[in-house]
Amino acid sequence: MPGPRRPGFETRLDSTGTIVIVLSGDLDIVSRSWLARHLAETMKQEPRRLVVEMAEVGFADSAALRLIVRAGQVLPDGGRPVIRHPRPVVRRVLQITGLDTLCDLT
């Protein structure tokens, strides 16, 4: 029997210093350490801006979302991470936990 499917994680760095991370799948206790490693590696590139595309994320628990928000705290000039296209269930977790006040939702 196969295990849980690993979430998708793609990154792009554009000429303005923006890193765009495209996530897919579920972000929960099973994938949390995997997500933490990928975010840490990505942030070593020292982006000026962080955009996380979440249109293909079916579920994200508060710990996974906290990792994303925390990654954005190293942005220069007090920049905030942008979470783009979160599904309603993900947006709701952001709102319930107050994490929506620490990022920009688009």
N, C-alpha and C. Protein backbone atom coordinates (compact mmCIF):
# COMPACT_ATOMS: atom_id res chain seq x y z
N MET A 1 0.84 -1.17 0.00
CA MET A 1 0.00 0.00 0.00
C MET A 1 0.89 1.24 0.00
N PRO A 2 0.70 2.15 -0.96
CA PRO A 2 1.54 3.35 -1.02
C PRO A 2 1.22 4.30 0.12
N GLY A 3 2.24 5.07 0.53
CA GLY A 3 2.06 6.06 1.59
C GLY A 3 1.41 7.32 1.06
N PRO A 4 1.31 8.33 1.90
CA PRO A 4 0.71 9.58 1.47
C PRO A 4 1.53 10.24 0.37
N ARG A 5 0.84 10.91 -0.52
CA ARG A 5 1.50 11.59 -1.62
C ARG A 5 2.20 12.84 -1.10
N ARG A 6 3.44 13.01 -1.48
CA ARG A 6 4.21 14.18 -1.07
C ARG A 6 3.66 15.42 -1.78
N PRO A 7 3.51 16.52 -1.05
CA PRO A 7 3.03 17.74 -1.69
C PRO A 7 4.02 18.23 -2.74
N GLY A 8 3.53 19.03 -3.65
CA GLY A 8 4.39 19.63 -4.66
C GLY A 8 4.99 20.93 -4.16
N PHE A 9 6.21 21.22 -4.60
CA PHE A 9 6.91 22.42 -4.18
C PHE A 9 7.80 22.84 -5.34
N GLU A 10 7.42 23.92 -6.02
CA GLU A 10 8.23 24.45 -7.12
C GLU A 10 8.59 25.89 -6.78
N THR A 11 9.79 26.31 -7.13
CA THR A 11 10.18 27.70 -6.87
C THR A 11 10.71 28.35 -8.14
N ARG A 12 10.50 29.65 -8.19
CA ARG A 12 11.05 30.49 -9.26
C ARG A 12 11.56 31.77 -8.62
N LEU A 13 12.71 32.24 -9.04
CA LEU A 13 13.26 33.52 -8.60
C LEU A 13 13.28 34.43 -9.82
N ASP A 14 12.58 35.57 -9.74
CA ASP A 14 12.57 36.45 -10.90
C ASP A 14 13.61 37.56 -10.75
N SER A 15 13.72 38.40 -11.76
CA SER A 15 14.76 39.42 -11.80
C SER A 15 14.58 40.52 -10.76
N THR A 16 13.39 40.60 -10.13
CA THR A 16 13.17 41.62 -9.10
C THR A 16 13.50 41.11 -7.71
N GLY A 17 13.95 39.86 -7.61
CA GLY A 17 14.27 39.28 -6.30
C GLY A 17 13.07 38.65 -5.62
N THR A 18 12.00 38.42 -6.38
CA THR A 18 10.82 37.76 -5.84
C THR A 18 10.93 36.26 -6.04
N ILE A 19 10.74 35.53 -4.96
CA ILE A 19 10.64 34.07 -5.08
C ILE A 19 9.17 33.72 -5.07
N VAL A 20 8.76 32.94 -6.05
CA VAL A 20 7.40 32.42 -6.11
C VAL A 20 7.48 30.94 -5.83
N ILE A 21 6.77 30.51 -4.80
CA ILE A 21 6.69 29.10 -4.45
C ILE A 21 5.30 28.62 -4.83
N VAL A 22 5.23 27.57 -5.61
CA VAL A 22 3.96 26.98 -5.99
C VAL A 22 3.81 25.67 -5.22
N LEU A 23 2.82 25.64 -4.33
CA LEU A 23 2.56 24.45 -3.52
C LEU A 23 1.34 23.72 -4.03
N SER A 24 1.31 22.41 -3.80
CA SER A 24 0.13 21.61 -4.13
C SER A 24 0.03 20.46 -3.13
N GLY A 25 -1.16 19.90 -3.04
CA GLY A 25 -1.38 18.79 -2.12
C GLY A 25 -1.83 19.28 -0.76
N ASP A 26 -1.68 18.43 0.25
CA ASP A 26 -2.08 18.76 1.62
C ASP A 26 -0.84 19.05 2.45
N LEU A 27 -0.93 20.10 3.27
CA LEU A 27 0.16 20.48 4.16
C LEU A 27 -0.30 20.24 5.58
N ASP A 28 0.21 19.16 6.15
CA ASP A 28 -0.25 18.75 7.47
C ASP A 28 0.91 18.14 8.25
N ILE A 29 0.60 17.44 9.31
CA ILE A 29 1.64 16.87 10.17
C ILE A 29 2.55 15.91 9.40
N VAL A 30 2.03 15.24 8.40
CA VAL A 30 2.82 14.29 7.62
C VAL A 30 3.87 15.01 6.78
N SER A 31 3.53 16.17 6.25
CA SER A 31 4.43 16.88 5.34
C SER A 31 5.16 18.06 5.99
N ARG A 32 4.94 18.29 7.26
CA ARG A 32 5.48 19.50 7.92
C ARG A 32 7.01 19.58 7.87
N SER A 33 7.72 18.52 8.19
CA SER A 33 9.19 18.59 8.19
C SER A 33 9.71 18.76 6.76
N TRP A 34 9.06 18.14 5.82
CA TRP A 34 9.42 18.29 4.41
C TRP A 34 9.26 19.75 3.99
N LEU A 35 8.14 20.36 4.35
CA LEU A 35 7.88 21.76 4.02
C LEU A 35 8.92 22.67 4.68
N ALA A 36 9.22 22.42 5.94
CA ALA A 36 10.20 23.23 6.67
C ALA A 36 11.56 23.20 5.99
N ARG A 37 11.99 22.03 5.56
CA ARG A 37 13.30 21.90 4.87
C ARG A 37 13.31 22.70 3.57
N HIS A 38 12.25 22.55 2.78
CA HIS A 38 12.19 23.24 1.50
C HIS A 38 12.13 24.76 1.68
N LEU A 39 11.37 25.22 2.65
CA LEU A 39 11.31 26.66 2.90
C LEU A 39 12.67 27.20 3.35
N ALA A 40 13.34 26.47 4.23
CA ALA A 40 14.65 26.91 4.71
C ALA A 40 15.65 27.01 3.56
N GLU A 41 15.66 26.02 2.69
CA GLU A 41 16.56 26.04 1.54
C GLU A 41 16.22 27.20 0.60
N THR A 42 14.96 27.41 0.38
CA THR A 42 14.52 28.48 -0.52
C THR A 42 14.91 29.85 0.03
N MET A 43 14.73 30.06 1.31
CA MET A 43 14.99 31.37 1.90
C MET A 43 16.49 31.68 1.97
N LYS A 44 17.35 30.68 1.78
CA LYS A 44 18.79 30.94 1.71
C LYS A 44 19.14 31.80 0.51
N GLN A 45 18.24 31.89 -0.46
CA GLN A 45 18.47 32.72 -1.64
C GLN A 45 18.25 34.21 -1.33
N GLU A 46 17.81 34.51 -0.12
CA GLU A 46 17.60 35.87 0.36
C GLU A 46 16.74 36.71 -0.58
N PRO A 47 15.51 36.27 -0.81
CA PRO A 47 14.63 37.03 -1.71
C PRO A 47 14.22 38.36 -1.10
N ARG A 48 13.87 39.29 -1.97
CA ARG A 48 13.33 40.57 -1.52
C ARG A 48 11.83 40.44 -1.23
N ARG A 49 11.19 39.49 -1.88
CA ARG A 49 9.75 39.29 -1.74
C ARG A 49 9.46 37.80 -1.85
N LEU A 50 8.44 37.34 -1.12
CA LEU A 50 8.05 35.93 -1.14
C LEU A 50 6.57 35.83 -1.47
N VAL A 51 6.26 35.10 -2.54
CA VAL A 51 4.89 34.85 -2.95
C VAL A 51 4.67 33.34 -2.93
N VAL A 52 3.63 32.90 -2.21
CA VAL A 52 3.32 31.48 -2.12
C VAL A 52 1.97 31.24 -2.79
N GLU A 53 2.00 30.54 -3.90
CA GLU A 53 0.80 30.22 -4.67
C GLU A 53 0.18 28.96 -4.07
N MET A 54 -1.07 29.06 -3.59
CA MET A 54 -1.68 27.94 -2.88
C MET A 54 -2.98 27.46 -3.52
N ALA A 55 -3.21 27.77 -4.78
CA ALA A 55 -4.46 27.38 -5.44
C ALA A 55 -4.66 25.87 -5.46
N GLU A 56 -3.57 25.11 -5.47
CA GLU A 56 -3.65 23.65 -5.55
C GLU A 56 -3.44 22.96 -4.20
N VAL A 57 -3.51 23.72 -3.11
CA VAL A 57 -3.39 23.15 -1.77
C VAL A 57 -4.79 22.85 -1.27
N GLY A 58 -5.07 21.56 -1.04
CA GLY A 58 -6.40 21.15 -0.59
C GLY A 58 -6.64 21.43 0.88
N PHE A 59 -5.58 21.34 1.69
CA PHE A 59 -5.69 21.58 3.13
C PHE A 59 -4.33 22.01 3.64
N ALA A 60 -4.34 22.91 4.60
CA ALA A 60 -3.10 23.29 5.29
C ALA A 60 -3.43 23.49 6.76
N ASP A 61 -2.70 22.79 7.63
CA ASP A 61 -2.94 22.99 9.06
C ASP A 61 -2.22 24.25 9.53
N SER A 62 -2.53 24.67 10.74
CA SER A 62 -1.98 25.92 11.25
C SER A 62 -0.46 25.88 11.38
N ALA A 63 0.10 24.74 11.70
CA ALA A 63 1.56 24.64 11.84
C ALA A 63 2.25 24.85 10.49
N ALA A 64 1.70 24.29 9.43
CA ALA A 64 2.28 24.47 8.09
C ALA A 64 2.18 25.94 7.67
N LEU A 65 1.03 26.55 7.93
CA LEU A 65 0.87 27.96 7.58
C LEU A 65 1.79 28.84 8.41
N ARG A 66 2.01 28.48 9.65
CA ARG A 66 2.93 29.23 10.49
C ARG A 66 4.35 29.16 9.92
N LEU A 67 4.75 28.02 9.39
CA LEU A 67 6.06 27.89 8.76
C LEU A 67 6.21 28.86 7.58
N ILE A 68 5.17 28.97 6.78
CA ILE A 68 5.20 29.85 5.62
C ILE A 68 5.31 31.31 6.07
N VAL A 69 4.50 31.69 7.05
CA VAL A 69 4.53 33.06 7.55
C VAL A 69 5.88 33.36 8.18
N ARG A 70 6.40 32.42 8.95
CA ARG A 70 7.71 32.60 9.60
C ARG A 70 8.82 32.76 8.56
N ALA A 71 8.75 32.04 7.47
CA ALA A 71 9.76 32.17 6.41
C ALA A 71 9.77 33.59 5.88
N GLY A 72 8.60 34.21 5.80
CA GLY A 72 8.51 35.57 5.31
C GLY A 72 9.06 36.61 6.26
N GLN A 73 9.26 36.26 7.51
CA GLN A 73 9.75 37.22 8.49
C GLN A 73 11.20 37.61 8.27
N VAL A 74 11.92 36.91 7.42
CA VAL A 74 13.30 37.27 7.14
C VAL A 74 13.42 38.18 5.91
N LEU A 75 12.29 38.57 5.34
CA LEU A 75 12.32 39.45 4.18
C LEU A 75 12.84 40.83 4.59
N PRO A 76 13.56 41.50 3.69
CA PRO A 76 14.10 42.82 4.04
C PRO A 76 12.99 43.87 4.17
N ASP A 77 13.30 44.92 4.90
CA ASP A 77 12.43 46.09 5.03
C ASP A 77 11.04 45.75 5.58
N GLY A 78 10.96 44.74 6.43
CA GLY A 78 9.68 44.40 7.03
C GLY A 78 8.67 43.83 6.06
N GLY A 79 9.16 43.28 4.95
CA GLY A 79 8.26 42.71 3.95
C GLY A 79 7.43 41.57 4.53
N ARG A 80 6.28 41.36 3.96
CA ARG A 80 5.38 40.29 4.41
C ARG A 80 5.21 39.29 3.27
N PRO A 81 5.10 38.01 3.63
CA PRO A 81 4.85 37.02 2.57
C PRO A 81 3.46 37.24 1.97
N VAL A 82 3.34 36.92 0.71
CA VAL A 82 2.06 37.00 0.00
C VAL A 82 1.57 35.58 -0.19
N ILE A 83 0.36 35.31 0.26
CA ILE A 83 -0.26 34.00 0.02
C ILE A 83 -1.34 34.23 -1.04
N ARG A 84 -1.10 33.64 -2.19
CA ARG A 84 -1.96 33.88 -3.35
C ARG A 84 -2.91 32.70 -3.59
N HIS A 85 -4.16 33.02 -3.81
CA HIS A 85 -5.20 32.07 -4.18
C HIS A 85 -5.42 30.92 -3.20
N PRO A 86 -5.45 31.21 -1.89
CA PRO A 86 -5.74 30.10 -0.96
C PRO A 86 -7.19 29.66 -1.12
N ARG A 87 -7.42 28.38 -1.06
CA ARG A 87 -8.79 27.87 -1.09
C ARG A 87 -9.51 28.30 0.19
N PRO A 88 -10.83 28.29 0.19
CA PRO A 88 -11.58 28.75 1.37
C PRO A 88 -11.16 28.08 2.67
N VAL A 89 -10.89 26.78 2.66
CA VAL A 89 -10.51 26.09 3.89
C VAL A 89 -9.16 26.59 4.41
N VAL A 90 -8.23 26.89 3.51
CA VAL A 90 -6.92 27.40 3.90
C VAL A 90 -7.07 28.84 4.41
N ARG A 91 -7.84 29.64 3.71
CA ARG A 91 -8.09 31.02 4.14
C ARG A 91 -8.71 31.04 5.54
N ARG A 92 -9.62 30.12 5.79
CA ARG A 92 -10.29 30.06 7.09
C ARG A 92 -9.29 29.73 8.21
N VAL A 93 -8.38 28.80 7.98
CA VAL A 93 -7.36 28.48 8.98
C VAL A 93 -6.49 29.70 9.24
N LEU A 94 -6.13 30.43 8.19
CA LEU A 94 -5.35 31.66 8.37
C LEU A 94 -6.10 32.66 9.24
N GLN A 95 -7.39 32.80 9.00
CA GLN A 95 -8.20 33.76 9.75
C GLN A 95 -8.38 33.33 11.20
N ILE A 96 -8.70 32.08 11.42
CA ILE A 96 -8.95 31.57 12.78
C ILE A 96 -7.71 31.73 13.66
N THR A 97 -6.55 31.50 13.08
CA THR A 97 -5.30 31.55 13.84
C THR A 97 -4.71 32.95 13.94
N GLY A 98 -5.24 33.88 13.18
CA GLY A 98 -4.69 35.24 13.17
C GLY A 98 -3.48 35.39 12.28
N LEU A 99 -3.09 34.33 11.59
CA LEU A 99 -1.93 34.40 10.70
C LEU A 99 -2.19 35.30 9.50
N ASP A 100 -3.47 35.53 9.19
CA ASP A 100 -3.80 36.42 8.07
C ASP A 100 -3.33 37.85 8.33
N THR A 101 -3.07 38.20 9.58
CA THR A 101 -2.60 39.55 9.90
C THR A 101 -1.09 39.69 9.68
N LEU A 102 -0.42 38.57 9.43
CA LEU A 102 1.04 38.57 9.27
C LEU A 102 1.47 38.34 7.82
N CYS A 103 0.50 38.30 6.92
CA CYS A 103 0.81 38.09 5.51
C CYS A 103 -0.23 38.86 4.68
N ASP A 104 0.02 38.92 3.39
CA ASP A 104 -0.94 39.53 2.48
C ASP A 104 -1.64 38.42 1.71
N LEU A 105 -2.97 38.43 1.73
CA LEU A 105 -3.76 37.42 1.01
C LEU A 105 -4.28 38.04 -0.28
N THR A 106 -4.05 37.34 -1.38
CA THR A 106 -4.57 37.83 -2.65
C THR A 106 -5.32 36.73 -3.36
